[in-house]
Amino acid sequence: MRAEFGTVDALFAPAGGTGSAPFEATSDEVYDHLPTINAKGSYFTVQKLAPLLVEGSGVVLTTSAVNVPGLPMLSAYAASKAALAR
């Protein structure tokens, strides 16, 4: 893969999608969809490009400040972005 694409010094993986629904009305579909984009999207982006990372390179995963205050209309989105915070 390196022969074809070269190497990567820095990787920014800003996968993101959002959706809003009241906490009590969030469906399984919405709850499953957001982590698939936000957490799995970033995870598998890094996994696929890891062989191209050189020693000392950096990886940045984008989270959101929304995961801190606990906003009822964005609870599923906040949970999916909080998965990237640690």
Protein backbone atom coordinates (compact mmCIF):
# COMPACT_ATOMS: atom_id res chain seq x y z
CA MET A 1 0.00 0.00 0.00
CA ARG A 2 2.88 2.39 0.77
CA ALA A 3 4.33 1.80 -2.67
CA GLU A 4 1.08 2.99 -4.24
CA PHE A 5 0.10 5.82 -1.86
CA GLY A 6 3.24 6.83 0.01
CA THR A 7 3.16 7.71 3.70
CA VAL A 8 1.04 9.85 6.01
CA ASP A 9 2.49 12.26 8.58
CA ALA A 10 -0.83 13.49 9.97
CA LEU A 11 -4.31 12.01 9.83
CA PHE A 12 -7.44 14.00 10.66
CA ALA A 13 -10.50 11.73 10.83
CA PRO A 14 -13.52 14.04 11.20
CA ALA A 15 -16.30 11.55 10.48
CA GLY A 16 -19.56 13.07 11.53
CA GLY A 17 -23.26 13.01 11.13
CA THR A 18 -25.95 14.33 13.36
CA GLY A 19 -29.57 13.75 14.14
CA SER A 20 -31.88 15.16 16.70
CA ALA A 21 -34.85 13.68 18.48
CA PRO A 22 -36.22 13.99 21.98
CA PHE A 23 -34.53 11.48 24.28
CA GLU A 24 -37.79 9.62 24.86
CA ALA A 25 -38.48 9.41 21.12
CA THR A 26 -35.04 8.36 19.83
CA SER A 27 -35.51 5.22 17.75
CA ASP A 28 -33.19 2.23 17.52
CA GLU A 29 -32.51 3.23 13.91
CA VAL A 30 -31.30 6.73 14.85
CA TYR A 31 -29.30 5.44 17.81
CA ASP A 32 -27.59 2.78 15.66
CA HIS A 33 -26.97 5.09 12.69
CA LEU A 34 -25.04 7.82 14.53
CA PRO A 35 -22.36 5.63 16.16
CA THR A 36 -21.90 3.88 12.83
CA ILE A 37 -20.96 7.18 11.22
CA ASN A 38 -19.26 8.98 14.10
CA ALA A 39 -17.38 6.29 15.99
CA LYS A 40 -16.97 3.48 13.47
CA GLY A 41 -16.27 5.90 10.62
CA SER A 42 -13.28 7.39 12.41
CA TYR A 43 -12.12 4.04 13.78
CA PHE A 44 -12.03 2.31 10.42
CA THR A 45 -10.54 5.33 8.66
CA VAL A 46 -7.58 5.12 11.05
CA GLN A 47 -7.43 1.34 10.74
CA LYS A 48 -7.21 1.47 6.94
CA LEU A 49 -4.58 4.23 6.91
CA ALA A 50 -2.50 2.94 9.85
CA PRO A 51 -0.08 1.09 7.57
CA LEU A 52 0.78 4.42 5.93
CA LEU A 53 1.51 6.28 9.19
CA VAL A 54 5.17 6.97 9.77
CA GLU A 55 6.81 6.89 13.20
CA GLY A 56 5.96 10.08 15.08
CA SER A 57 2.91 10.86 12.95
CA GLY A 58 -0.27 12.15 14.56
CA VAL A 59 -3.91 11.12 14.46
CA VAL A 60 -6.72 13.50 15.42
CA LEU A 61 -10.24 12.23 16.09
CA THR A 62 -12.92 14.91 16.20
CA THR A 63 -15.43 14.83 19.00
CA SER A 64 -17.95 17.47 20.01
CA ALA A 65 -18.60 19.69 22.98
CA VAL A 66 -22.20 18.49 22.76
CA ASN A 67 -21.24 15.35 24.71
CA VAL A 68 -20.60 17.42 27.85
CA PRO A 69 -23.85 19.27 28.72
CA GLY A 70 -26.27 16.41 27.98
CA LEU A 71 -28.72 18.07 25.60
CA PRO A 72 -31.92 15.98 25.40
CA MET A 73 -32.47 16.58 21.67
CA LEU A 74 -28.94 15.42 20.85
CA SER A 75 -28.43 12.53 23.26
CA ALA A 76 -27.68 9.86 20.62
CA TYR A 77 -25.33 12.20 18.74
CA ALA A 78 -23.60 13.16 21.99
CA ALA A 79 -23.11 9.51 22.93
CA SER A 80 -21.62 8.71 19.53
CA LYS A 81 -19.15 11.59 19.73
CA ALA A 82 -18.28 10.87 23.38
CA ALA A 83 -16.99 7.49 22.19
CA LEU A 84 -14.14 9.37 20.49
CA ALA A 85 -13.27 11.56 23.47
CA ARG A 86 -11.24 9.02 25.43
